[in-house]
């Protein structure tokens, strides 16, 4: 098993696997579409 890169949500700071990240147009990453939406508000 190979280790996967972890990233932090730009909204809540939670760390999660990079493969699950949802990015916005500026390249910020989020743990969910809801946090991406909230961050844009």
N, C-alpha and C. Protein backbone atom coordinates (compact mmCIF):
# COMPACT_ATOMS: atom_id res chain seq x y z
N UNK A 1 0.84 -1.18 0.00
CA UNK A 1 0.00 0.00 0.00
C UNK A 1 0.89 1.25 0.00
N UNK A 2 0.54 2.18 -0.86
CA UNK A 2 1.33 3.39 -1.00
C UNK A 2 0.63 4.55 -0.29
N UNK A 3 1.41 5.37 0.39
CA UNK A 3 0.85 6.53 1.09
C UNK A 3 0.33 7.54 0.08
N UNK A 4 -0.77 8.19 0.43
CA UNK A 4 -1.36 9.20 -0.44
C UNK A 4 -1.16 10.58 0.16
N UNK A 5 -0.94 11.58 -0.69
CA UNK A 5 -0.78 12.95 -0.22
C UNK A 5 -2.07 13.42 0.45
N UNK A 6 -1.89 14.17 1.54
CA UNK A 6 -3.03 14.73 2.26
C UNK A 6 -3.06 16.23 2.02
N UNK A 7 -4.26 16.78 1.97
CA UNK A 7 -4.44 18.22 1.80
C UNK A 7 -5.40 18.71 2.87
N UNK A 8 -5.42 20.03 3.10
CA UNK A 8 -6.31 20.62 4.11
C UNK A 8 -7.39 21.43 3.41
N UNK A 9 -8.62 21.29 3.89
CA UNK A 9 -9.74 22.05 3.36
C UNK A 9 -9.52 23.53 3.65
N UNK A 10 -9.68 24.38 2.63
CA UNK A 10 -9.49 25.82 2.79
C UNK A 10 -10.58 26.45 3.65
N UNK A 11 -11.67 25.74 3.86
CA UNK A 11 -12.78 26.27 4.66
C UNK A 11 -12.69 25.84 6.13
N UNK A 12 -12.55 24.53 6.38
CA UNK A 12 -12.58 24.04 7.77
C UNK A 12 -11.24 23.56 8.29
N UNK A 13 -10.26 23.36 7.40
CA UNK A 13 -8.94 22.94 7.84
C UNK A 13 -8.75 21.45 8.02
N UNK A 14 -9.81 20.66 7.81
CA UNK A 14 -9.69 19.21 7.96
C UNK A 14 -8.74 18.65 6.90
N UNK A 15 -7.88 17.71 7.30
CA UNK A 15 -6.98 17.04 6.36
C UNK A 15 -7.66 15.79 5.81
N UNK A 16 -7.48 15.55 4.51
CA UNK A 16 -8.11 14.42 3.85
C UNK A 16 -7.28 14.07 2.61
N UNK A 17 -7.48 12.87 2.02
CA UNK A 17 -6.70 12.46 0.85
C UNK A 17 -6.90 13.40 -0.34
N UNK A 18 -5.80 13.72 -1.00
CA UNK A 18 -5.85 14.64 -2.15
C UNK A 18 -6.79 14.14 -3.25
N UNK A 19 -6.95 12.82 -3.38
CA UNK A 19 -7.82 12.27 -4.42
C UNK A 19 -9.29 12.60 -4.19
N UNK A 20 -9.64 13.01 -2.97
CA UNK A 20 -11.03 13.36 -2.66
C UNK A 20 -11.28 14.86 -2.70
N UNK A 21 -10.26 15.64 -3.02
CA UNK A 21 -10.37 17.10 -2.98
C UNK A 21 -11.26 17.64 -4.08
N UNK A 22 -11.97 18.71 -3.74
CA UNK A 22 -12.78 19.46 -4.70
C UNK A 22 -12.16 20.84 -4.78
N UNK A 23 -11.68 21.24 -5.95
CA UNK A 23 -10.98 22.52 -6.10
C UNK A 23 -11.89 23.58 -6.70
N UNK A 24 -11.57 24.83 -6.39
CA UNK A 24 -12.28 25.93 -7.04
C UNK A 24 -11.39 26.51 -8.14
N UNK A 25 -11.85 27.56 -8.80
CA UNK A 25 -11.13 28.13 -9.93
C UNK A 25 -9.75 28.67 -9.53
N UNK A 26 -9.61 29.09 -8.27
CA UNK A 26 -8.32 29.65 -7.83
C UNK A 26 -7.33 28.57 -7.42
N UNK A 27 -7.78 27.31 -7.37
CA UNK A 27 -6.91 26.21 -7.00
C UNK A 27 -7.00 25.82 -5.53
N UNK A 28 -7.82 26.54 -4.74
CA UNK A 28 -8.03 26.17 -3.34
C UNK A 28 -8.77 24.84 -3.30
N UNK A 29 -8.46 24.01 -2.30
CA UNK A 29 -9.11 22.69 -2.21
C UNK A 29 -10.04 22.62 -1.00
N UNK A 30 -11.08 21.83 -1.15
CA UNK A 30 -12.12 21.70 -0.14
C UNK A 30 -12.48 20.25 0.05
N UNK A 31 -13.03 19.94 1.25
CA UNK A 31 -13.41 18.56 1.57
C UNK A 31 -14.78 18.21 1.01
N UNK A 32 -15.57 19.23 0.63
CA UNK A 32 -16.91 18.97 0.10
C UNK A 32 -17.35 20.14 -0.78
N UNK A 33 -18.33 19.88 -1.63
CA UNK A 33 -18.88 20.93 -2.48
C UNK A 33 -19.54 22.01 -1.62
N UNK A 34 -20.11 21.61 -0.49
CA UNK A 34 -20.74 22.57 0.42
C UNK A 34 -19.72 23.56 0.99
N UNK A 35 -18.54 23.06 1.36
CA UNK A 35 -17.51 23.96 1.89
C UNK A 35 -16.96 24.87 0.79
N UNK A 36 -16.88 24.35 -0.44
CA UNK A 36 -16.46 25.21 -1.56
C UNK A 36 -17.47 26.33 -1.75
N UNK A 37 -18.76 26.00 -1.68
CA UNK A 37 -19.81 27.01 -1.84
C UNK A 37 -19.76 28.04 -0.70
N UNK A 38 -19.63 27.57 0.52
CA UNK A 38 -19.58 28.48 1.68
C UNK A 38 -18.38 29.40 1.62
N UNK A 39 -17.25 28.89 1.18
CA UNK A 39 -16.03 29.69 1.10
C UNK A 39 -16.15 30.79 0.05
N UNK A 40 -16.90 30.52 -1.01
CA UNK A 40 -17.08 31.49 -2.09
C UNK A 40 -18.02 32.62 -1.69
N UNK A 41 -18.84 32.39 -0.67
CA UNK A 41 -19.83 33.40 -0.25
C UNK A 41 -19.18 34.56 0.45
